[in-house]
Amino acid sequence: MRPRKLLLVAALAAAGLLSVGCAAQDAQDASNPAGVHVRTTKNPHGFRGSDIQPYPLPSATFTETSGRPWRFATDARKPVTLLFFGYTNCPDVCSTVMADVAAALRRVDAGTRDKIQVVFVTTDPKRDTPRVIREYLDRFDPSFVGLTAPPDVILKSARQLGVGITDASPLPGGGYEIGHGAQVYGFGPDGKARVVWLEGTPVADFKHDFEKLVTGGADER
């Protein structure tokens, strides 16, 4: 496996919860612009993902793959939102995470699945046009929402959640990679994320936590 950027924020690193993106980078480049705080590596509220301080959904306006404006406040209408930042040319991590999330959703019952919305925000708006994003997500699940926006909007939204994104890194054969945090955030019915899953999370753990989120399993804190 090629070396890749270690891009989870410093708090995750301190907790031993490192996630990786899709390009090579020295570890000291990781940053914590949002001040994200992992409470513990063992979630005390029954989730198998990591316990984090509550974070609200992004407030920016994005463009959905149909071309229409999209805002979490008005368009994320299901009780549970799963949010991931990535890009379609990512050589490994993004496809693996999307495939695992899709596999977990296929294992929950129909009633639970209907209460969950997966949202993919591109970290590569230059290449990821709405059409490209749509074709990519359809490989995993046609219901997945794909979003793009100007680079500064994407970067600000990612930083608010502690998701690191780096500049493009040229590849020897042409093209480029973009380093980014590979965590998935789980937002409950109150619109706040209290659980995060890192790269390598087993499908069974995703399934367990998705069901728990739908039933309001996260305690208020």
N, C-alpha and C. Protein backbone atom coordinates (compact mmCIF):
# COMPACT_ATOMS: atom_id res chain seq x y z
N MET A 1 0.86 -1.19 0.00
CA MET A 1 0.00 0.00 0.00
C MET A 1 0.89 1.24 0.00
N ARG A 2 0.61 2.22 -0.82
CA ARG A 2 1.41 3.42 -0.88
C ARG A 2 1.27 4.23 0.40
N PRO A 3 2.32 4.98 0.77
CA PRO A 3 2.19 5.84 1.95
C PRO A 3 1.15 6.90 1.69
N ARG A 4 0.43 7.29 2.72
CA ARG A 4 -0.64 8.29 2.56
C ARG A 4 -0.60 9.29 3.70
N LYS A 5 -1.27 10.37 3.53
CA LYS A 5 -1.22 11.46 4.50
C LYS A 5 -1.99 11.12 5.77
N LEU A 6 -1.36 11.40 6.88
CA LEU A 6 -2.05 11.24 8.16
C LEU A 6 -2.73 12.55 8.46
N LEU A 7 -4.06 12.56 8.31
CA LEU A 7 -4.75 13.84 8.31
C LEU A 7 -5.84 13.99 9.35
N LEU A 8 -5.94 13.07 10.28
CA LEU A 8 -6.87 13.37 11.37
C LEU A 8 -6.26 14.40 12.28
N VAL A 9 -7.08 15.11 12.96
CA VAL A 9 -6.63 16.22 13.78
C VAL A 9 -5.81 15.75 14.96
N ALA A 10 -5.12 16.72 15.61
CA ALA A 10 -4.19 16.39 16.68
C ALA A 10 -4.87 15.68 17.84
N ALA A 11 -6.11 16.01 18.11
CA ALA A 11 -6.81 15.35 19.22
C ALA A 11 -7.01 13.88 18.95
N LEU A 12 -7.29 13.55 17.69
CA LEU A 12 -7.43 12.15 17.34
C LEU A 12 -6.08 11.45 17.47
N ALA A 13 -5.03 12.13 17.03
CA ALA A 13 -3.71 11.53 17.14
C ALA A 13 -3.36 11.26 18.59
N ALA A 14 -3.68 12.21 19.46
CA ALA A 14 -3.38 12.05 20.87
C ALA A 14 -4.14 10.89 21.46
N ALA A 15 -5.33 10.63 20.92
CA ALA A 15 -6.14 9.53 21.43
C ALA A 15 -5.77 8.20 20.79
N GLY A 16 -4.82 8.23 19.85
CA GLY A 16 -4.43 7.00 19.17
C GLY A 16 -5.39 6.61 18.08
N LEU A 17 -6.16 7.58 17.58
CA LEU A 17 -7.17 7.29 16.58
C LEU A 17 -6.80 7.97 15.27
N LEU A 18 -5.78 7.48 14.60
CA LEU A 18 -5.33 8.11 13.37
C LEU A 18 -6.11 7.60 12.19
N SER A 19 -6.55 8.53 11.34
CA SER A 19 -7.18 8.19 10.07
C SER A 19 -6.28 8.69 8.97
N VAL A 20 -6.37 8.12 7.79
CA VAL A 20 -5.49 8.52 6.70
C VAL A 20 -6.28 8.97 5.50
N GLY A 21 -5.64 9.78 4.68
CA GLY A 21 -6.24 10.23 3.44
C GLY A 21 -5.63 9.51 2.27
N CYS A 22 -5.43 10.22 1.16
CA CYS A 22 -5.06 9.55 -0.08
C CYS A 22 -3.75 10.02 -0.68
N ALA A 23 -2.87 10.63 0.07
CA ALA A 23 -1.61 11.07 -0.51
C ALA A 23 -0.54 11.17 0.56
N ALA A 24 0.73 11.14 0.14
CA ALA A 24 1.84 11.11 1.09
C ALA A 24 2.03 12.45 1.77
N GLN A 25 2.34 12.42 3.06
CA GLN A 25 2.54 13.65 3.83
C GLN A 25 3.23 13.32 5.13
N ASP A 26 4.06 14.24 5.62
CA ASP A 26 4.66 14.05 6.93
C ASP A 26 3.62 14.22 8.01
N ALA A 27 3.75 13.46 9.08
CA ALA A 27 2.75 13.49 10.14
C ALA A 27 2.64 14.86 10.78
N GLN A 28 3.75 15.63 10.80
CA GLN A 28 3.66 16.92 11.48
C GLN A 28 2.78 17.91 10.75
N ASP A 29 2.33 17.62 9.54
CA ASP A 29 1.45 18.52 8.81
C ASP A 29 0.01 18.42 9.28
N ALA A 30 -0.31 17.40 10.06
CA ALA A 30 -1.67 17.28 10.57
C ALA A 30 -1.99 18.49 11.44
N SER A 31 -3.25 18.93 11.41
CA SER A 31 -3.64 20.10 12.19
C SER A 31 -4.99 19.88 12.82
N ASN A 32 -5.35 20.77 13.71
CA ASN A 32 -6.60 20.67 14.44
C ASN A 32 -7.33 22.00 14.39
N PRO A 33 -7.73 22.46 13.18
CA PRO A 33 -8.33 23.77 13.06
C PRO A 33 -9.65 23.91 13.78
N ALA A 34 -10.36 22.83 14.00
CA ALA A 34 -11.67 22.92 14.63
C ALA A 34 -11.62 22.68 16.12
N GLY A 35 -10.47 22.27 16.63
CA GLY A 35 -10.39 21.94 18.05
C GLY A 35 -11.23 20.73 18.37
N VAL A 36 -11.36 19.78 17.45
CA VAL A 36 -12.19 18.60 17.67
C VAL A 36 -11.65 17.81 18.86
N HIS A 37 -12.55 17.24 19.62
CA HIS A 37 -12.15 16.58 20.85
C HIS A 37 -12.76 15.19 20.91
N VAL A 38 -11.87 14.18 20.92
CA VAL A 38 -12.31 12.81 21.12
C VAL A 38 -12.32 12.54 22.61
N ARG A 39 -13.48 12.20 23.14
CA ARG A 39 -13.61 12.03 24.58
C ARG A 39 -12.90 10.77 25.08
N THR A 40 -12.97 9.71 24.28
CA THR A 40 -12.36 8.46 24.70
C THR A 40 -12.29 7.52 23.50
N THR A 41 -11.32 6.61 23.51
CA THR A 41 -11.25 5.62 22.43
C THR A 41 -12.34 4.56 22.59
N LYS A 42 -12.88 4.42 23.80
CA LYS A 42 -13.99 3.50 24.02
C LYS A 42 -15.24 4.33 24.27
N ASN A 43 -16.22 4.20 23.41
CA ASN A 43 -17.41 5.03 23.50
C ASN A 43 -18.27 4.59 24.69
N PRO A 44 -18.53 5.48 25.63
CA PRO A 44 -19.31 5.11 26.81
C PRO A 44 -20.80 5.07 26.57
N HIS A 45 -21.24 5.40 25.37
CA HIS A 45 -22.67 5.46 25.07
C HIS A 45 -23.13 4.31 24.19
N GLY A 46 -22.30 3.29 24.08
CA GLY A 46 -22.72 2.08 23.39
C GLY A 46 -22.40 2.02 21.92
N PHE A 47 -21.89 3.10 21.36
CA PHE A 47 -21.47 3.07 19.96
C PHE A 47 -20.12 2.38 19.84
N ARG A 48 -19.89 1.77 18.69
CA ARG A 48 -18.59 1.17 18.44
C ARG A 48 -17.63 2.16 17.79
N GLY A 49 -18.18 3.24 17.25
CA GLY A 49 -17.35 4.33 16.77
C GLY A 49 -16.84 5.16 17.94
N SER A 50 -15.99 6.13 17.64
CA SER A 50 -15.37 6.95 18.69
C SER A 50 -16.30 8.05 19.17
N ASP A 51 -16.23 8.32 20.45
CA ASP A 51 -17.06 9.33 21.10
C ASP A 51 -16.43 10.71 20.92
N ILE A 52 -17.20 11.68 20.43
CA ILE A 52 -16.68 13.02 20.21
C ILE A 52 -17.62 14.06 20.83
N GLN A 53 -17.08 15.25 21.05
CA GLN A 53 -17.95 16.35 21.48
C GLN A 53 -18.92 16.65 20.34
N PRO A 54 -20.12 17.12 20.62
CA PRO A 54 -21.12 17.36 19.57
C PRO A 54 -20.67 18.41 18.57
N TYR A 55 -20.86 18.12 17.30
CA TYR A 55 -20.59 19.06 16.22
C TYR A 55 -21.83 19.22 15.36
N PRO A 56 -22.19 20.45 15.00
CA PRO A 56 -23.38 20.66 14.16
C PRO A 56 -23.09 20.38 12.70
N LEU A 57 -24.14 20.15 11.95
CA LEU A 57 -24.02 19.98 10.50
C LEU A 57 -23.47 21.25 9.87
N PRO A 58 -22.74 21.14 8.77
CA PRO A 58 -22.23 22.34 8.08
C PRO A 58 -23.37 23.28 7.70
N SER A 59 -23.08 24.57 7.73
CA SER A 59 -24.10 25.57 7.43
C SER A 59 -24.00 26.14 6.02
N ALA A 60 -22.97 25.77 5.28
CA ALA A 60 -22.74 26.34 3.95
C ALA A 60 -23.76 25.83 2.93
N THR A 61 -23.84 26.52 1.81
CA THR A 61 -24.66 26.10 0.69
C THR A 61 -23.78 25.37 -0.32
N PHE A 62 -24.18 24.16 -0.68
CA PHE A 62 -23.46 23.33 -1.63
C PHE A 62 -24.27 23.21 -2.92
N THR A 63 -23.72 22.50 -3.89
CA THR A 63 -24.45 22.16 -5.11
C THR A 63 -24.57 20.65 -5.19
N GLU A 64 -25.80 20.17 -5.28
CA GLU A 64 -26.07 18.74 -5.35
C GLU A 64 -25.88 18.27 -6.80
N THR A 65 -25.76 16.96 -7.00
CA THR A 65 -25.42 16.44 -8.32
C THR A 65 -26.48 16.73 -9.39
N SER A 66 -27.68 17.07 -8.97
CA SER A 66 -28.71 17.48 -9.94
C SER A 66 -28.50 18.91 -10.40
N GLY A 67 -27.60 19.64 -9.72
CA GLY A 67 -27.33 21.03 -10.05
C GLY A 67 -28.04 22.03 -9.17
N ARG A 68 -28.88 21.58 -8.27
CA ARG A 68 -29.63 22.50 -7.42
C ARG A 68 -28.85 22.82 -6.16
N PRO A 69 -29.10 24.00 -5.56
CA PRO A 69 -28.46 24.33 -4.28
C PRO A 69 -28.90 23.34 -3.20
N TRP A 70 -28.01 23.08 -2.27
CA TRP A 70 -28.29 22.09 -1.23
C TRP A 70 -27.71 22.57 0.09
N ARG A 71 -28.57 22.59 1.13
CA ARG A 71 -28.16 22.97 2.48
C ARG A 71 -28.57 21.88 3.45
N PHE A 72 -27.69 21.58 4.39
CA PHE A 72 -28.01 20.55 5.37
C PHE A 72 -29.24 20.93 6.18
N ALA A 73 -29.38 22.20 6.51
CA ALA A 73 -30.48 22.63 7.38
C ALA A 73 -31.85 22.36 6.76
N THR A 74 -31.95 22.45 5.44
CA THR A 74 -33.24 22.29 4.78
C THR A 74 -33.36 21.02 3.95
N ASP A 75 -32.23 20.44 3.55
CA ASP A 75 -32.29 19.31 2.62
C ASP A 75 -31.89 17.97 3.23
N ALA A 76 -31.25 17.98 4.39
CA ALA A 76 -30.94 16.74 5.10
C ALA A 76 -32.16 16.40 5.95
N ARG A 77 -33.14 15.78 5.34
CA ARG A 77 -34.46 15.63 5.97
C ARG A 77 -34.66 14.33 6.73
N LYS A 78 -33.70 13.42 6.66
CA LYS A 78 -33.86 12.17 7.38
C LYS A 78 -33.27 12.30 8.78
N PRO A 79 -33.73 11.47 9.71
CA PRO A 79 -33.28 11.62 11.10
C PRO A 79 -31.77 11.48 11.29
N VAL A 80 -31.13 10.64 10.47
CA VAL A 80 -29.70 10.38 10.61
C VAL A 80 -28.98 10.77 9.32
N THR A 81 -27.90 11.53 9.46
CA THR A 81 -27.07 11.90 8.33
C THR A 81 -25.67 11.38 8.56
N LEU A 82 -25.13 10.69 7.56
CA LEU A 82 -23.76 10.21 7.60
C LEU A 82 -22.95 11.04 6.61
N LEU A 83 -21.89 11.69 7.07
CA LEU A 83 -21.15 12.64 6.25
C LEU A 83 -19.70 12.21 6.07
N PHE A 84 -19.25 12.26 4.80
CA PHE A 84 -17.88 11.87 4.46
C PHE A 84 -17.33 12.85 3.44
N PHE A 85 -16.09 13.27 3.63
CA PHE A 85 -15.38 14.11 2.67
C PHE A 85 -14.39 13.24 1.90
N GLY A 86 -14.46 13.28 0.57
CA GLY A 86 -13.54 12.49 -0.24
C GLY A 86 -13.58 12.94 -1.69
N TYR A 87 -13.00 12.15 -2.57
CA TYR A 87 -13.03 12.51 -3.99
C TYR A 87 -12.99 11.27 -4.87
N THR A 88 -13.48 11.41 -6.07
CA THR A 88 -13.72 10.24 -6.92
C THR A 88 -12.45 9.60 -7.45
N ASN A 89 -11.35 10.36 -7.55
CA ASN A 89 -10.08 9.81 -8.02
C ASN A 89 -9.22 9.28 -6.88
N CYS A 90 -9.72 9.29 -5.68
CA CYS A 90 -9.01 8.73 -4.54
C CYS A 90 -8.64 7.27 -4.85
N PRO A 91 -7.37 6.90 -4.72
CA PRO A 91 -6.96 5.57 -5.17
C PRO A 91 -7.39 4.41 -4.31
N ASP A 92 -7.82 4.66 -3.09
CA ASP A 92 -8.10 3.52 -2.23
C ASP A 92 -9.12 3.80 -1.13
N VAL A 93 -8.83 4.77 -0.27
CA VAL A 93 -9.61 4.93 0.96
C VAL A 93 -11.08 5.23 0.70
N CYS A 94 -11.36 6.20 -0.17
CA CYS A 94 -12.74 6.65 -0.35
C CYS A 94 -13.66 5.53 -0.82
N SER A 95 -13.20 4.79 -1.82
CA SER A 95 -14.03 3.69 -2.33
C SER A 95 -14.27 2.63 -1.27
N THR A 96 -13.24 2.35 -0.48
CA THR A 96 -13.39 1.36 0.58
C THR A 96 -14.41 1.80 1.62
N VAL A 97 -14.31 3.05 2.05
CA VAL A 97 -15.25 3.56 3.05
C VAL A 97 -16.67 3.58 2.51
N MET A 98 -16.86 4.10 1.29
CA MET A 98 -18.19 4.14 0.70
C MET A 98 -18.78 2.74 0.53
N ALA A 99 -17.95 1.80 0.11
CA ALA A 99 -18.42 0.42 -0.06
C ALA A 99 -18.83 -0.19 1.28
N ASP A 100 -18.05 0.07 2.32
CA ASP A 100 -18.38 -0.49 3.64
C ASP A 100 -19.66 0.13 4.21
N VAL A 101 -19.83 1.43 4.03
CA VAL A 101 -21.06 2.08 4.49
C VAL A 101 -22.27 1.51 3.75
N ALA A 102 -22.12 1.36 2.43
CA ALA A 102 -23.22 0.80 1.63
C ALA A 102 -23.54 -0.62 2.06
N ALA A 103 -22.50 -1.41 2.33
CA ALA A 103 -22.72 -2.79 2.75
C ALA A 103 -23.46 -2.85 4.08
N ALA A 104 -23.10 -1.96 5.00
CA ALA A 104 -23.78 -1.93 6.30
C ALA A 104 -25.24 -1.54 6.14
N LEU A 105 -25.52 -0.59 5.26
CA LEU A 105 -26.91 -0.16 5.05
C LEU A 105 -27.75 -1.25 4.41
N ARG A 106 -27.13 -2.09 3.62
CA ARG A 106 -27.88 -3.21 3.03
C ARG A 106 -28.27 -4.24 4.08
N ARG A 107 -27.60 -4.23 5.21
CA ARG A 107 -27.85 -5.22 6.25
C ARG A 107 -28.88 -4.78 7.29
N VAL A 108 -29.22 -3.50 7.30
CA VAL A 108 -30.24 -3.04 8.24
C VAL A 108 -31.62 -3.25 7.63
N ASP A 109 -32.66 -3.24 8.45
CA ASP A 109 -34.00 -3.43 7.92
C ASP A 109 -34.45 -2.19 7.15
N ALA A 110 -35.47 -2.36 6.34
CA ALA A 110 -35.92 -1.29 5.44
C ALA A 110 -36.34 -0.04 6.20
N GLY A 111 -36.99 -0.22 7.35
CA GLY A 111 -37.44 0.92 8.13
C GLY A 111 -36.28 1.76 8.64
N THR A 112 -35.22 1.08 9.07
CA THR A 112 -34.03 1.79 9.54
C THR A 112 -33.33 2.48 8.38
N ARG A 113 -33.20 1.77 7.27
CA ARG A 113 -32.51 2.33 6.10
C ARG A 113 -33.19 3.60 5.62
N ASP A 114 -34.50 3.64 5.71
CA ASP A 114 -35.24 4.80 5.22
C ASP A 114 -35.00 6.05 6.07
N LYS A 115 -34.43 5.88 7.23
CA LYS A 115 -34.19 7.02 8.13
C LYS A 115 -32.76 7.53 8.06
N ILE A 116 -31.97 7.00 7.15
CA ILE A 116 -30.55 7.35 7.06
C ILE A 116 -30.21 7.95 5.70
N GLN A 117 -29.51 9.06 5.70
CA GLN A 117 -29.04 9.68 4.45
C GLN A 117 -27.52 9.78 4.47
N VAL A 118 -26.90 9.28 3.42
CA VAL A 118 -25.45 9.37 3.28
C VAL A 118 -25.11 10.57 2.39
N VAL A 119 -24.20 11.41 2.84
CA VAL A 119 -23.79 12.59 2.09
C VAL A 119 -22.28 12.56 1.86
N PHE A 120 -21.89 12.69 0.60
CA PHE A 120 -20.49 12.70 0.18
C PHE A 120 -20.16 14.09 -0.33
N VAL A 121 -19.18 14.76 0.31
CA VAL A 121 -18.74 16.08 -0.13
C VAL A 121 -17.37 15.94 -0.78
N THR A 122 -17.25 16.37 -2.03
CA THR A 122 -15.98 16.22 -2.72
C THR A 122 -14.91 17.14 -2.13
N THR A 123 -13.68 16.65 -2.09
CA THR A 123 -12.53 17.48 -1.73
C THR A 123 -11.75 17.88 -2.98
N ASP A 124 -12.29 17.56 -4.14
CA ASP A 124 -11.62 17.82 -5.42
C ASP A 124 -12.62 18.42 -6.42
N PRO A 125 -13.14 19.62 -6.13
CA PRO A 125 -14.17 20.19 -7.00
C PRO A 125 -13.71 20.49 -8.42
N LYS A 126 -12.40 20.60 -8.63
CA LYS A 126 -11.89 20.85 -9.97
C LYS A 126 -12.23 19.71 -10.92
N ARG A 127 -12.05 18.48 -10.47
CA ARG A 127 -12.33 17.32 -11.33
C ARG A 127 -13.70 16.71 -11.06
N ASP A 128 -14.17 16.84 -9.85
CA ASP A 128 -15.44 16.20 -9.48
C ASP A 128 -16.63 17.11 -9.83
N THR A 129 -17.04 17.04 -11.07
CA THR A 129 -18.26 17.73 -11.48
C THR A 129 -19.46 16.99 -10.92
N PRO A 130 -20.63 17.62 -10.87
CA PRO A 130 -21.81 16.90 -10.39
C PRO A 130 -22.04 15.58 -11.12
N ARG A 131 -21.82 15.55 -12.42
CA ARG A 131 -22.02 14.30 -13.17
C ARG A 131 -21.02 13.24 -12.74
N VAL A 132 -19.76 13.62 -12.57
CA VAL A 132 -18.75 12.66 -12.15
C VAL A 132 -19.07 12.11 -10.76
N ILE A 133 -19.47 12.98 -9.85
CA ILE A 133 -19.83 12.53 -8.50
C ILE A 133 -21.00 11.57 -8.54
N ARG A 134 -22.01 11.90 -9.34
CA ARG A 134 -23.20 11.06 -9.42
C ARG A 134 -22.86 9.66 -9.94
N GLU A 135 -22.07 9.59 -10.98
CA GLU A 135 -21.69 8.29 -11.53
C GLU A 135 -20.88 7.49 -10.52
N TYR A 136 -20.04 8.16 -9.77
CA TYR A 136 -19.22 7.50 -8.76
C TYR A 136 -20.09 6.94 -7.64
N LEU A 137 -20.99 7.74 -7.10
CA LEU A 137 -21.81 7.29 -5.98
C LEU A 137 -22.81 6.21 -6.37
N ASP A 138 -23.26 6.25 -7.62
CA ASP A 138 -24.20 5.23 -8.07
C ASP A 138 -23.60 3.84 -8.03
N ARG A 139 -22.27 3.75 -8.04
CA ARG A 139 -21.62 2.44 -7.91
C ARG A 139 -21.87 1.82 -6.55
N PHE A 140 -22.14 2.65 -5.56
CA PHE A 140 -22.34 2.17 -4.20
C PHE A 140 -23.81 2.15 -3.81
N ASP A 141 -24.50 3.25 -4.05
CA ASP A 141 -25.92 3.34 -3.72
C ASP A 141 -26.48 4.60 -4.38
N PRO A 142 -27.46 4.47 -5.27
CA PRO A 142 -28.01 5.64 -5.96
C PRO A 142 -28.64 6.67 -5.03
N SER A 143 -28.95 6.29 -3.80
CA SER A 143 -29.56 7.25 -2.87
C SER A 143 -28.54 8.16 -2.20
N PHE A 144 -27.26 7.85 -2.32
CA PHE A 144 -26.24 8.68 -1.69
C PHE A 144 -26.26 10.07 -2.31
N VAL A 145 -26.21 11.10 -1.48
CA VAL A 145 -26.20 12.48 -1.95
C VAL A 145 -24.76 12.92 -2.19
N GLY A 146 -24.50 13.52 -3.35
CA GLY A 146 -23.18 14.03 -3.67
C GLY A 146 -23.20 15.54 -3.74
N LEU A 147 -22.23 16.18 -3.10
CA LEU A 147 -22.19 17.64 -3.05
C LEU A 147 -20.83 18.19 -3.48
N THR A 148 -20.88 19.36 -4.11
CA THR A 148 -19.67 20.11 -4.42
C THR A 148 -19.91 21.57 -4.06
N ALA A 149 -18.84 22.36 -4.11
CA ALA A 149 -18.91 23.78 -3.77
C ALA A 149 -17.57 24.39 -4.13
N PRO A 150 -17.44 25.71 -4.10
CA PRO A 150 -16.12 26.31 -4.29
C PRO A 150 -15.13 25.77 -3.26
N PRO A 151 -13.85 25.68 -3.61
CA PRO A 151 -12.85 25.10 -2.69
C PRO A 151 -12.85 25.71 -1.30
N ASP A 152 -13.01 27.03 -1.19
CA ASP A 152 -12.95 27.65 0.12
C ASP A 152 -14.13 27.24 1.00
N VAL A 153 -15.29 27.02 0.37
CA VAL A 153 -16.47 26.58 1.12
C VAL A 153 -16.27 25.16 1.64
N ILE A 154 -15.73 24.31 0.78
CA ILE A 154 -15.48 22.92 1.19
C ILE A 154 -14.46 22.87 2.31
N LEU A 155 -13.38 23.63 2.16
CA LEU A 155 -12.32 23.62 3.16
C LEU A 155 -12.83 24.13 4.51
N LYS A 156 -13.59 25.20 4.49
CA LYS A 156 -14.12 25.74 5.74
C LYS A 156 -15.06 24.75 6.42
N SER A 157 -15.92 24.12 5.64
CA SER A 157 -16.87 23.15 6.21
C SER A 157 -16.13 21.95 6.80
N ALA A 158 -15.09 21.49 6.10
CA ALA A 158 -14.30 20.36 6.61
C ALA A 158 -13.58 20.74 7.90
N ARG A 159 -13.00 21.92 7.93
CA ARG A 159 -12.27 22.35 9.12
C ARG A 159 -13.18 22.48 10.33
N GLN A 160 -14.43 22.88 10.11
CA GLN A 160 -15.36 23.00 11.22
C GLN A 160 -15.61 21.67 11.91
N LEU A 161 -15.36 20.58 11.18
CA LEU A 161 -15.53 19.25 11.74
C LEU A 161 -14.19 18.59 12.08
N GLY A 162 -13.10 19.32 11.87
CA GLY A 162 -11.79 18.73 12.15
C GLY A 162 -11.32 17.78 11.08
N VAL A 163 -11.83 17.90 9.86
CA VAL A 163 -11.40 17.06 8.74
C VAL A 163 -10.29 17.79 7.99
N GLY A 164 -9.09 17.25 8.01
CA GLY A 164 -7.98 17.86 7.32
C GLY A 164 -8.05 17.63 5.82
N ILE A 165 -7.74 18.66 5.04
CA ILE A 165 -7.64 18.55 3.58
C ILE A 165 -6.37 19.28 3.17
N THR A 166 -5.53 18.66 2.35
CA THR A 166 -4.29 19.29 1.92
C THR A 166 -4.34 19.64 0.44
N ASP A 167 -3.36 20.42 0.00
CA ASP A 167 -3.26 20.77 -1.41
C ASP A 167 -2.96 19.53 -2.24
N ALA A 168 -3.21 19.63 -3.54
CA ALA A 168 -2.96 18.52 -4.45
C ALA A 168 -1.48 18.15 -4.46
N SER A 169 -1.21 16.86 -4.50
CA SER A 169 0.15 16.33 -4.56
C SER A 169 0.35 15.64 -5.91
N PRO A 170 1.26 16.13 -6.78
CA PRO A 170 1.45 15.54 -8.11
C PRO A 170 1.86 14.07 -8.04
N LEU A 171 1.36 13.30 -8.99
CA LEU A 171 1.73 11.90 -9.11
C LEU A 171 2.80 11.73 -10.19
N PRO A 172 3.71 10.77 -10.05
CA PRO A 172 4.78 10.59 -11.04
C PRO A 172 4.27 10.38 -12.46
N GLY A 173 3.15 9.70 -12.59
CA GLY A 173 2.62 9.42 -13.92
C GLY A 173 1.65 10.46 -14.44
N GLY A 174 1.51 11.55 -13.71
CA GLY A 174 0.55 12.59 -14.08
C GLY A 174 -0.64 12.60 -13.14
N GLY A 175 -1.38 13.68 -13.15
CA GLY A 175 -2.50 13.82 -12.24
C GLY A 175 -2.04 14.17 -10.84
N TYR A 176 -2.92 14.02 -9.87
CA TYR A 176 -2.58 14.38 -8.50
C TYR A 176 -3.49 13.66 -7.52
N GLU A 177 -3.02 13.63 -6.29
CA GLU A 177 -3.81 13.13 -5.17
C GLU A 177 -4.08 14.27 -4.20
N ILE A 178 -5.11 14.09 -3.39
CA ILE A 178 -5.44 15.07 -2.37
C ILE A 178 -5.54 14.34 -1.03
N GLY A 179 -4.75 14.79 -0.08
CA GLY A 179 -4.83 14.19 1.25
C GLY A 179 -6.05 14.69 2.00
N HIS A 180 -6.71 13.82 2.72
CA HIS A 180 -7.90 14.23 3.48
C HIS A 180 -8.19 13.24 4.59
N GLY A 181 -8.84 13.72 5.62
CA GLY A 181 -9.28 12.83 6.68
C GLY A 181 -10.31 11.85 6.15
N ALA A 182 -10.23 10.61 6.61
CA ALA A 182 -11.11 9.56 6.09
C ALA A 182 -12.20 9.15 7.06
N GLN A 183 -12.54 10.02 8.00
CA GLN A 183 -13.55 9.67 8.99
C GLN A 183 -14.97 9.92 8.47
N VAL A 184 -15.90 9.14 8.96
CA VAL A 184 -17.32 9.32 8.68
C VAL A 184 -17.97 9.85 9.96
N TYR A 185 -18.73 10.92 9.83
CA TYR A 185 -19.43 11.50 10.98
C TYR A 185 -20.89 11.06 10.97
N GLY A 186 -21.39 10.70 12.15
CA GLY A 186 -22.78 10.31 12.30
C GLY A 186 -23.57 11.37 13.04
N PHE A 187 -24.53 11.99 12.35
CA PHE A 187 -25.38 13.02 12.94
C PHE A 187 -26.74 12.41 13.29
N GLY A 188 -27.17 12.63 14.51
CA GLY A 188 -28.44 12.10 14.96
C GLY A 188 -29.60 13.01 14.64
N PRO A 189 -30.79 12.68 15.13
CA PRO A 189 -32.00 13.46 14.85
C PRO A 189 -31.92 14.92 15.29
N ASP A 190 -31.03 15.24 16.23
CA ASP A 190 -30.90 16.63 16.67
C ASP A 190 -29.94 17.43 15.79
N GLY A 191 -29.42 16.81 14.72
CA GLY A 191 -28.53 17.52 13.81
C GLY A 191 -27.10 17.68 14.31
N LYS A 192 -26.73 16.91 15.34
CA LYS A 192 -25.38 16.99 15.88
C LYS A 192 -24.68 15.65 15.77
N ALA A 193 -23.37 15.72 15.48
CA ALA A 193 -22.56 14.50 15.42
C ALA A 193 -21.96 14.23 16.78
N ARG A 194 -22.14 13.02 17.27
CA ARG A 194 -21.55 12.62 18.54
C ARG A 194 -20.74 11.34 18.39
N VAL A 195 -20.63 10.84 17.17
CA VAL A 195 -19.87 9.62 16.93
C VAL A 195 -19.16 9.76 15.59
N VAL A 196 -17.95 9.25 15.54
CA VAL A 196 -17.16 9.27 14.30
C VAL A 196 -16.55 7.89 14.11
N TRP A 197 -16.52 7.46 12.85
CA TRP A 197 -15.93 6.16 12.51
C TRP A 197 -14.70 6.40 11.66
N LEU A 198 -13.63 5.71 11.99
CA LEU A 198 -12.37 5.87 11.28
C LEU A 198 -12.23 4.83 10.17
N GLU A 199 -11.29 5.07 9.29
CA GLU A 199 -11.00 4.11 8.22
C GLU A 199 -10.72 2.74 8.84
N GLY A 200 -11.25 1.70 8.23
CA GLY A 200 -11.05 0.35 8.74
C GLY A 200 -12.14 -0.12 9.67
N THR A 201 -13.15 0.71 9.93
CA THR A 201 -14.27 0.29 10.77
C THR A 201 -14.97 -0.91 10.14
N PRO A 202 -15.17 -2.01 10.87
CA PRO A 202 -15.85 -3.17 10.30
C PRO A 202 -17.29 -2.86 9.90
N VAL A 203 -17.77 -3.53 8.89
CA VAL A 203 -19.15 -3.33 8.43
C VAL A 203 -20.13 -3.62 9.57
N ALA A 204 -19.85 -4.63 10.36
CA ALA A 204 -20.75 -4.97 11.47
C ALA A 204 -20.85 -3.83 12.48
N ASP A 205 -19.75 -3.12 12.70
CA ASP A 205 -19.77 -1.98 13.62
C ASP A 205 -20.58 -0.83 13.05
N PHE A 206 -20.41 -0.56 11.75
CA PHE A 206 -21.24 0.45 11.10
C PHE A 206 -22.72 0.11 11.30
N LYS A 207 -23.08 -1.12 10.99
CA LYS A 207 -24.49 -1.54 11.08
C LYS A 207 -25.02 -1.34 12.50
N HIS A 208 -24.27 -1.78 13.49
CA HIS A 208 -24.68 -1.64 14.88
C HIS A 208 -24.94 -0.18 15.23
N ASP A 209 -24.02 0.69 14.85
CA ASP A 209 -24.13 2.10 15.21
C ASP A 209 -25.20 2.83 14.42
N PHE A 210 -25.38 2.47 13.16
CA PHE A 210 -26.45 3.10 12.36
C PHE A 210 -27.80 2.83 13.01
N GLU A 211 -28.01 1.59 13.42
CA GLU A 211 -29.28 1.24 14.07
C GLU A 211 -29.44 2.00 15.38
N LYS A 212 -28.36 2.15 16.11
CA LYS A 212 -28.42 2.85 17.39
C LYS A 212 -28.72 4.33 17.20
N LEU A 213 -28.13 4.94 16.16
CA LEU A 213 -28.40 6.35 15.87
C LEU A 213 -29.87 6.56 15.53
N VAL A 214 -30.42 5.67 14.74
CA VAL A 214 -31.82 5.81 14.32
C VAL A 214 -32.76 5.73 15.51
N THR A 215 -32.43 4.91 16.48
CA THR A 215 -33.29 4.76 17.65
C THR A 215 -32.98 5.78 18.73
N GLY A 216 -32.11 6.76 18.41
CA GLY A 216 -31.78 7.79 19.38
C GLY A 216 -30.87 7.32 20.46
N GLY A 217 -29.94 6.41 20.11
CA GLY A 217 -29.08 5.80 21.11
C GLY A 217 -28.08 6.71 21.75
N ALA A 218 -27.77 7.85 21.10
CA ALA A 218 -26.76 8.75 21.69
C ALA A 218 -27.38 9.53 22.84
N ASP A 219 -26.78 9.45 23.99
CA ASP A 219 -27.27 10.20 25.15
C ASP A 219 -26.94 11.68 24.97
N GLU A 220 -27.82 12.56 25.51
CA GLU A 220 -27.51 13.99 25.51
C GLU A 220 -26.40 14.27 26.52
N ARG A 221 -25.45 15.14 26.14
CA ARG A 221 -24.38 15.47 27.05
C ARG A 221 -23.95 16.90 26.82
